[in-house]
Amino acid sequence: MKAISSRDNPLYRELLGLSGDRRARRQSGHTLLDGPHLLQAGLEAGATFRQLVFSETGASGELAEWSRRLPQVPACVLPQTLFNTLTPVETPVGVLAVIDIPLASNSAPEVCIVLLENIQDPGNLGALLRVAAAAGADAVHLSQGCAEAWSPKCLRGGQGAHFQVAIHESADLPALARRFAAPVYAASLGASEALFDLDLRGRVGFAFGNEGAGLSPQLCEAAQPFIIPMPGRVESLNVATAAAVCLFERVRQRR
């Protein structure tokens, strides 16, 4: 493994850009996976690995097995202080990987889709992707105002879900909802139809918006409103929780 100790090292500067700069990830088409769980998810999904990065502790422990599992991938070792600047977690495990950002296919059939509008917190977005993947959604379409799906923070929140569902960024959600040949449902406090009265067994979409602003008028007009019954004295749910309730109601109906 190549040892890197200088902050001025070109490879370290490149890694630092991938860890915190959306433009660097977009221009290179690369992102960082943090920890063995995400590396395993990427490996199983056939992701293209470009570089392995170890902390000094990681390189001398069981994580070094990754270098043996991916012998064709260059590996480097960083001092803990430099390694810590590349990871979004407070206590890094000790291994990172640079991968190509996968491109979502436009040819796969979409029976269940999720439309996300202006979800700006990367952790929330990762949780939503995890819910969508767990519930068997085929694709998630993100508006231009959403956080970046392939940022390290969002990848951490998704816990491997990114590799289980097609992700389409910068989508025109109202246009997509209008041309989708099936209902696209959107939760609305003023709706008269309840989630549990909807027939979700066939082709279906769900739209979820920013927790503060909700869905735009344009997307609301293109979707069909419903309410999630809440007998408790709470006005709304966290967006990831609302998505879980809706998507797993579909799972229940299809059993």
Protein backbone atom coordinates (compact mmCIF):
# COMPACT_ATOMS: atom_id res chain seq x y z
CA MET A 1 0.00 0.00 0.00
CA LYS A 2 1.16 3.51 -0.80
CA ALA A 3 1.70 5.67 2.29
CA ILE A 4 0.57 9.30 2.11
CA SER A 5 1.48 11.76 4.85
CA SER A 6 1.25 15.21 3.22
CA ARG A 7 -1.88 17.34 2.87
CA ASP A 8 -0.42 18.56 -0.43
CA ASN A 9 -0.35 15.10 -1.96
CA PRO A 10 -2.44 15.17 -5.19
CA LEU A 11 -4.30 11.95 -4.33
CA TYR A 12 -5.18 13.24 -0.88
CA ARG A 13 -6.43 16.53 -2.39
CA GLU A 14 -8.55 14.54 -4.82
CA LEU A 15 -10.01 12.45 -1.99
CA LEU A 16 -10.71 15.59 0.04
CA GLY A 17 -12.67 17.00 -2.88
CA LEU A 18 -14.73 13.84 -3.23
CA SER A 19 -15.53 13.90 0.48
CA GLY A 20 -16.93 17.42 0.59
CA ASP A 21 -17.36 18.99 -2.85
CA ARG A 22 -20.41 18.24 -4.94
CA ARG A 23 -18.78 19.75 -8.01
CA ALA A 24 -15.76 17.46 -7.65
CA ARG A 25 -18.01 14.40 -7.49
CA ARG A 26 -20.06 15.55 -10.46
CA GLN A 27 -17.04 16.34 -12.62
CA SER A 28 -15.19 13.13 -11.81
CA GLY A 29 -18.20 10.83 -11.68
CA HIS A 30 -16.77 9.36 -8.46
CA THR A 31 -17.82 9.25 -4.82
CA LEU A 32 -16.60 7.80 -1.52
CA LEU A 33 -17.94 4.75 0.30
CA ASP A 34 -17.25 4.80 4.04
CA GLY A 35 -16.89 1.56 5.99
CA PRO A 36 -17.03 -2.16 5.19
CA HIS A 37 -20.83 -2.32 5.09
CA LEU A 38 -21.04 0.13 2.19
CA LEU A 39 -18.04 -1.42 0.48
CA GLN A 40 -19.75 -4.82 0.64
CA ALA A 41 -22.99 -3.38 -0.74
CA GLY A 42 -21.12 -1.77 -3.60
CA LEU A 43 -19.17 -4.94 -4.33
CA GLU A 44 -22.32 -7.08 -4.43
CA ALA A 45 -23.97 -4.56 -6.78
CA GLY A 46 -21.05 -4.64 -9.18
CA ALA A 47 -19.78 -1.11 -8.52
CA THR A 48 -16.51 -0.12 -10.15
CA PHE A 49 -13.85 0.45 -7.47
CA ARG A 50 -11.08 2.95 -8.26
CA GLN A 51 -9.16 3.34 -4.99
CA LEU A 52 -9.03 1.90 -1.48
CA VAL A 53 -8.07 4.21 1.38
CA PHE A 54 -7.05 2.95 4.83
CA SER A 55 -6.21 4.63 8.08
CA GLU A 56 -3.00 3.36 9.67
CA THR A 57 -5.08 1.34 12.12
CA GLY A 58 -7.31 -0.04 9.38
CA ALA A 59 -4.35 -1.06 7.25
CA SER A 60 -2.88 -3.14 10.06
CA GLY A 61 -6.11 -4.84 11.12
CA GLU A 62 -8.77 -7.07 9.60
CA LEU A 63 -9.93 -4.30 7.24
CA ALA A 64 -6.75 -4.92 5.24
CA GLU A 65 -8.62 -7.96 3.87
CA TRP A 66 -10.28 -5.54 1.47
CA SER A 67 -6.98 -5.02 -0.28
CA ARG A 68 -6.73 -8.78 -0.78
CA ARG A 69 -10.35 -9.03 -1.94
CA LEU A 70 -9.78 -6.29 -4.52
CA PRO A 71 -6.16 -6.87 -5.55
CA GLN A 72 -6.54 -4.93 -8.80
CA VAL A 73 -7.60 -1.74 -6.97
CA PRO A 74 -4.81 0.66 -5.84
CA ALA A 75 -4.64 1.14 -2.07
CA CYS A 76 -3.14 3.87 0.10
CA VAL A 77 -2.66 4.48 3.82
CA LEU A 78 -3.24 7.81 5.58
CA PRO A 79 -2.39 8.98 9.08
CA GLN A 80 -5.47 9.06 11.28
CA THR A 81 -5.63 12.87 11.23
CA LEU A 82 -5.78 12.97 7.44
CA PHE A 83 -8.13 10.00 7.22
CA ASN A 84 -10.57 11.67 9.63
CA THR A 85 -10.98 14.67 7.31
CA LEU A 86 -12.40 12.40 4.60
CA THR A 87 -15.21 10.75 6.56
CA PRO A 88 -18.53 12.18 7.80
CA VAL A 89 -18.59 10.05 10.97
CA GLU A 90 -17.09 10.95 14.33
CA THR A 91 -15.43 7.57 14.85
CA PRO A 92 -14.28 6.30 11.44
CA VAL A 93 -13.95 2.55 10.98
CA GLY A 94 -10.76 2.82 8.94
CA VAL A 95 -11.51 2.05 5.29
CA LEU A 96 -12.90 4.10 2.40
CA ALA A 97 -13.30 3.37 -1.29
CA VAL A 98 -13.57 5.54 -4.38
CA ILE A 99 -16.17 4.18 -6.81
CA ASP A 100 -17.79 5.27 -10.04
CA ILE A 101 -21.23 6.76 -9.39
CA PRO A 102 -23.66 4.25 -10.96
CA LEU A 103 -25.87 5.49 -13.78
CA ALA A 104 -29.56 4.66 -13.44
CA SER A 105 -31.09 2.83 -16.36
CA ASN A 106 -34.09 4.40 -18.10
CA SER A 107 -35.16 1.12 -19.67
CA ALA A 108 -36.16 -0.86 -16.58
CA PRO A 109 -39.92 -1.09 -15.88
CA GLU A 110 -41.16 1.12 -13.05
CA VAL A 111 -44.08 -0.42 -11.19
CA CYS A 112 -43.59 1.56 -7.99
CA ILE A 113 -41.89 4.96 -8.01
CA VAL A 114 -41.11 7.54 -5.35
CA LEU A 115 -40.92 11.24 -6.15
CA LEU A 116 -38.92 13.37 -3.72
CA GLU A 117 -39.14 17.14 -3.89
CA ASN A 118 -36.63 19.46 -2.21
CA ILE A 119 -35.48 17.02 0.48
CA GLN A 120 -32.46 19.05 1.55
CA ASP A 121 -31.01 17.11 4.47
CA PRO A 122 -28.69 14.34 3.18
CA GLY A 123 -29.42 12.12 6.19
CA ASN A 124 -33.17 12.37 5.59
CA LEU A 125 -32.65 11.67 1.90
CA GLY A 126 -30.56 8.60 2.71
CA ALA A 127 -33.26 7.35 5.08
CA LEU A 128 -35.90 7.83 2.37
CA LEU A 129 -33.84 5.87 -0.14
CA ARG A 130 -33.45 3.11 2.44
CA VAL A 131 -37.22 2.97 2.99
CA ALA A 132 -37.89 2.91 -0.76
CA ALA A 133 -35.42 0.09 -1.34
CA ALA A 134 -36.69 -1.92 1.63
CA ALA A 135 -40.27 -1.65 0.39
CA GLY A 136 -39.36 -2.79 -3.11
CA ALA A 137 -39.73 0.48 -5.00
CA ASP A 138 -38.21 0.37 -8.47
CA ALA A 139 -37.04 3.96 -8.79
CA VAL A 140 -36.66 7.18 -6.86
CA HIS A 141 -36.83 10.48 -8.75
CA LEU A 142 -35.31 13.56 -7.10
CA SER A 143 -36.11 17.17 -7.89
CA GLN A 144 -33.29 19.60 -8.62
CA GLY A 145 -33.73 21.06 -5.12
CA CYS A 146 -32.92 17.77 -3.36
CA ALA A 147 -29.68 17.06 -1.59
CA GLU A 148 -27.12 15.13 -3.61
CA ALA A 149 -27.95 11.43 -3.57
CA TRP A 150 -24.36 10.20 -3.91
CA SER A 151 -22.72 12.37 -1.27
CA PRO A 152 -20.91 10.44 1.51
CA LYS A 153 -23.44 11.66 4.10
CA CYS A 154 -26.41 10.48 2.06
CA LEU A 155 -24.69 7.17 1.34
CA ARG A 156 -24.20 6.66 5.08
CA GLY A 157 -27.91 7.32 5.67
CA GLY A 158 -28.90 4.90 2.91
CA GLN A 159 -26.80 2.03 4.31
CA GLY A 160 -26.49 0.36 0.92
CA ALA A 161 -29.95 1.25 -0.41
CA HIS A 162 -28.40 3.30 -3.23
CA PHE A 163 -27.39 0.06 -4.92
CA GLN A 164 -30.87 -1.50 -4.65
CA VAL A 165 -33.05 1.14 -6.34
CA ALA A 166 -32.68 3.27 -9.48
CA ILE A 167 -31.94 6.89 -8.55
CA HIS A 168 -32.72 9.69 -11.01
CA GLU A 169 -31.56 13.16 -10.00
CA SER A 170 -32.70 16.60 -11.26
CA ALA A 171 -36.05 15.22 -12.43
CA ASP A 172 -39.05 17.31 -13.52
CA LEU A 173 -41.44 15.77 -11.00
CA PRO A 174 -44.74 17.38 -12.14
CA ALA A 175 -44.09 16.28 -15.72
CA LEU A 176 -43.13 12.80 -14.55
CA ALA A 177 -46.29 12.50 -12.44
CA ARG A 178 -48.46 13.57 -15.38
CA ARG A 179 -46.98 11.06 -17.81
CA PHE A 180 -46.81 8.15 -15.36
CA ALA A 181 -49.54 5.78 -16.53
CA ALA A 182 -50.89 5.18 -13.03
CA PRO A 183 -51.88 7.20 -9.95
CA VAL A 184 -49.22 9.24 -8.17
CA TYR A 185 -50.41 9.89 -4.61
CA ALA A 186 -49.44 12.81 -2.40
CA ALA A 187 -50.28 13.23 1.28
CA SER A 188 -52.36 16.34 1.91
CA LEU A 189 -54.00 17.55 5.12
CA GLY A 190 -57.08 18.67 3.21
CA ALA A 191 -57.69 15.40 1.38
CA SER A 192 -60.80 13.32 1.93
CA GLU A 193 -59.47 9.88 0.95
CA ALA A 194 -57.35 7.95 3.46
CA LEU A 195 -54.22 6.00 2.65
CA PHE A 196 -55.73 2.73 3.84
CA ASP A 197 -58.66 3.09 1.43
CA LEU A 198 -56.42 3.35 -1.65
CA ASP A 199 -55.86 0.37 -3.95
CA LEU A 200 -52.07 0.11 -4.05
CA ARG A 201 -51.74 -3.37 -5.53
CA GLY A 202 -50.91 -2.24 -9.07
CA ARG A 203 -48.65 0.36 -10.62
CA VAL A 204 -48.36 3.33 -8.29
CA GLY A 205 -46.28 6.34 -7.32
CA PHE A 206 -45.90 8.38 -4.14
CA ALA A 207 -44.72 11.97 -3.85
CA PHE A 208 -43.08 13.36 -0.72
CA GLY A 209 -41.85 16.88 -0.11
CA ASN A 210 -39.79 19.05 2.16
CA GLU A 211 -41.05 18.82 5.75
CA GLY A 212 -41.29 22.58 6.12
CA ALA A 213 -42.67 23.64 2.75
CA GLY A 214 -44.42 20.46 1.64
CA LEU A 215 -45.05 19.78 -2.04
CA SER A 216 -45.11 22.51 -4.66
CA PRO A 217 -48.52 23.50 -6.13
CA GLN A 218 -47.38 22.14 -9.50
CA LEU A 219 -46.67 18.68 -8.13
CA CYS A 220 -49.84 18.69 -6.01
CA GLU A 221 -51.90 19.41 -9.13
CA ALA A 222 -50.29 16.49 -10.95
CA ALA A 223 -50.87 14.04 -8.07
CA GLN A 224 -53.88 12.60 -6.24
CA PRO A 225 -54.24 13.74 -2.61
CA PHE A 226 -54.76 11.47 0.39
CA ILE A 227 -54.34 11.64 4.15
CA ILE A 228 -52.51 9.38 6.56
CA PRO A 229 -54.96 8.83 9.45
CA MET A 230 -53.38 9.98 12.70
CA PRO A 231 -55.63 9.56 15.75
CA GLY A 232 -53.01 11.11 18.01
CA ARG A 233 -52.64 14.84 18.52
CA VAL A 234 -49.81 15.28 16.03
CA GLU A 235 -50.19 17.26 12.81
CA SER A 236 -47.55 15.56 10.69
CA LEU A 237 -44.88 12.87 10.48
CA ASN A 238 -41.21 12.99 9.65
CA VAL A 239 -40.99 12.57 5.88
CA ALA A 240 -39.09 9.27 6.08
CA THR A 241 -41.67 7.92 8.55
CA ALA A 242 -44.53 9.01 6.28
CA ALA A 243 -42.85 7.30 3.34
CA ALA A 244 -42.44 4.10 5.34
CA VAL A 245 -46.12 4.07 6.33
CA CYS A 246 -47.22 4.56 2.72
CA LEU A 247 -44.82 2.20 1.00
CA PHE A 248 -45.30 -0.62 3.48
CA GLU A 249 -49.08 -0.26 3.19
CA ARG A 250 -48.49 -1.13 -0.47
CA VAL A 251 -46.37 -4.11 0.62
CA ARG A 252 -49.20 -5.25 2.94
CA GLN A 253 -51.83 -5.00 0.20
CA ARG A 254 -49.74 -6.99 -2.27
CA ARG A 255 -49.18 -9.96 0.06
